[in-house]
Amino acid sequence: MAKTSLDLDQNMAGLLCYIGGWITGIIFLVLEKKNKFVRFHALQSLLTFLPLSVLAWLLGWIPFIGWALTGLVWILMVILWLILMFKAYRGEKYKLPLVGDMAEKEKGRF
């Protein structure tokens, strides 16, 4: 198994990119300088969970219908969180629509 510059197995580092949502995405994007697999998952985590967190927060301000939609966004986030952690741990470079392509394109720029 390939190692990262942080001396972690790349699949474990990939999983950790998602464990704390967009926050751990930022942390691994800053700390991991060389491993493209980890940088991809860090950026995908950031591009996925930050906008969804902001959306859930904004919807939470809307009475009744916003609260219901916030619940749906949180359910979506939990499902994505579990799938992405599982795929990263298995060593798969699983790309989500849109954000996966953006992460693939931008991972070398940061």
Protein backbone atom coordinates (compact mmCIF):
# COMPACT_ATOMS: atom_id res chain seq x y z
CA MET A 1 0.00 0.00 0.00
CA ALA A 2 1.31 3.43 -0.92
CA LYS A 3 2.26 5.82 1.88
CA THR A 4 1.57 9.53 2.09
CA SER A 5 3.94 12.31 3.07
CA LEU A 6 2.23 12.10 6.49
CA ASP A 7 3.40 8.47 6.79
CA LEU A 8 -0.13 7.07 6.57
CA ASP A 9 -1.42 4.42 4.20
CA GLN A 10 -3.08 6.34 1.39
CA ASN A 11 -6.41 4.54 1.82
CA MET A 12 -6.54 5.47 5.52
CA ALA A 13 -5.63 9.08 4.73
CA GLY A 14 -8.32 9.09 2.02
CA LEU A 15 -10.90 7.94 4.57
CA LEU A 16 -9.72 10.57 7.06
CA CYS A 17 -10.29 13.30 4.44
CA TYR A 18 -14.02 12.65 4.88
CA ILE A 19 -14.23 11.81 8.59
CA GLY A 20 -14.74 15.43 9.66
CA GLY A 21 -16.44 16.62 6.48
CA TRP A 22 -15.05 19.73 4.84
CA ILE A 23 -12.85 20.54 7.86
CA THR A 24 -10.69 17.43 7.46
CA GLY A 25 -10.77 18.05 3.72
CA ILE A 26 -9.03 21.38 4.31
CA ILE A 27 -6.60 19.85 6.80
CA PHE A 28 -5.46 17.13 4.42
CA LEU A 29 -5.36 19.53 1.49
CA VAL A 30 -2.93 21.70 3.46
CA LEU A 31 -0.84 18.92 5.01
CA GLU A 32 -0.57 16.39 2.17
CA LYS A 33 1.65 17.81 -0.55
CA LYS A 34 2.48 14.80 -2.75
CA ASN A 35 -0.08 12.01 -2.77
CA LYS A 36 -2.58 12.71 -5.56
CA PHE A 37 -5.07 10.13 -4.27
CA VAL A 38 -5.29 11.84 -0.88
CA ARG A 39 -5.35 15.33 -2.38
CA PHE A 40 -8.22 14.30 -4.67
CA HIS A 41 -10.28 12.98 -1.74
CA ALA A 42 -9.45 16.03 0.40
CA LEU A 43 -10.62 18.40 -2.31
CA GLN A 44 -13.71 16.33 -3.10
CA SER A 45 -14.59 16.36 0.61
CA LEU A 46 -14.23 20.14 0.73
CA LEU A 47 -16.20 20.71 -2.49
CA THR A 48 -18.97 18.35 -1.40
CA PHE A 49 -19.54 19.00 2.27
CA LEU A 50 -18.90 22.75 2.57
CA PRO A 51 -21.64 23.76 0.10
CA LEU A 52 -24.05 21.19 1.57
CA SER A 53 -23.34 22.47 5.09
CA VAL A 54 -23.96 26.06 4.00
CA LEU A 55 -27.15 25.01 2.21
CA ALA A 56 -28.42 23.18 5.31
CA TRP A 57 -27.61 26.19 7.47
CA LEU A 58 -29.43 28.59 5.12
CA LEU A 59 -32.47 26.32 4.80
CA GLY A 60 -32.62 26.10 8.59
CA TRP A 61 -33.62 29.76 8.68
CA ILE A 62 -36.78 29.10 6.68
CA PRO A 63 -39.66 28.02 8.94
CA PHE A 64 -41.35 24.66 8.36
CA ILE A 65 -40.46 23.79 4.74
CA GLY A 66 -36.86 24.87 5.25
CA TRP A 67 -36.59 22.69 8.32
CA ALA A 68 -37.86 19.67 6.37
CA LEU A 69 -35.45 20.38 3.53
CA THR A 70 -32.60 20.76 6.03
CA GLY A 71 -33.36 17.27 7.30
CA LEU A 72 -33.18 15.91 3.74
CA VAL A 73 -29.86 17.65 3.13
CA TRP A 74 -28.44 16.14 6.34
CA ILE A 75 -29.63 12.66 5.31
CA LEU A 76 -27.95 13.14 1.92
CA MET A 77 -24.76 14.26 3.66
CA VAL A 78 -24.67 11.20 5.92
CA ILE A 79 -25.21 8.86 2.96
CA LEU A 80 -22.47 10.56 0.93
CA TRP A 81 -20.18 10.60 3.96
CA LEU A 82 -20.49 6.84 4.48
CA ILE A 83 -20.13 5.97 0.78
CA LEU A 84 -17.12 8.22 0.25
CA MET A 85 -15.30 6.98 3.34
CA PHE A 86 -15.92 3.36 2.34
CA LYS A 87 -14.74 3.92 -1.24
CA ALA A 88 -11.61 5.82 -0.16
CA TYR A 89 -10.71 3.13 2.36
CA ARG A 90 -11.02 0.50 -0.36
CA GLY A 91 -8.53 2.51 -2.40
CA GLU A 92 -11.08 3.63 -4.99
CA LYS A 93 -10.95 7.03 -6.58
CA TYR A 94 -14.73 7.40 -6.56
CA LYS A 95 -15.78 10.60 -8.28
CA LEU A 96 -19.07 12.29 -7.52
CA PRO A 97 -20.80 14.05 -10.41
CA LEU A 98 -19.58 17.65 -10.84
CA VAL A 99 -17.47 17.97 -7.68
CA GLY A 100 -15.46 14.85 -8.51
CA ASP A 101 -14.54 16.30 -11.89
CA MET A 102 -13.70 19.64 -10.29
CA ALA A 103 -11.52 17.93 -7.67
CA GLU A 104 -9.76 15.91 -10.37
CA LYS A 105 -9.03 19.04 -12.37
CA GLU A 106 -7.91 21.22 -9.47
CA LYS A 107 -6.03 18.80 -7.18
CA GLY A 108 -2.62 19.73 -8.55
CA ARG A 109 -3.15 23.47 -8.20
CA PHE A 110 -3.36 23.62 -4.41
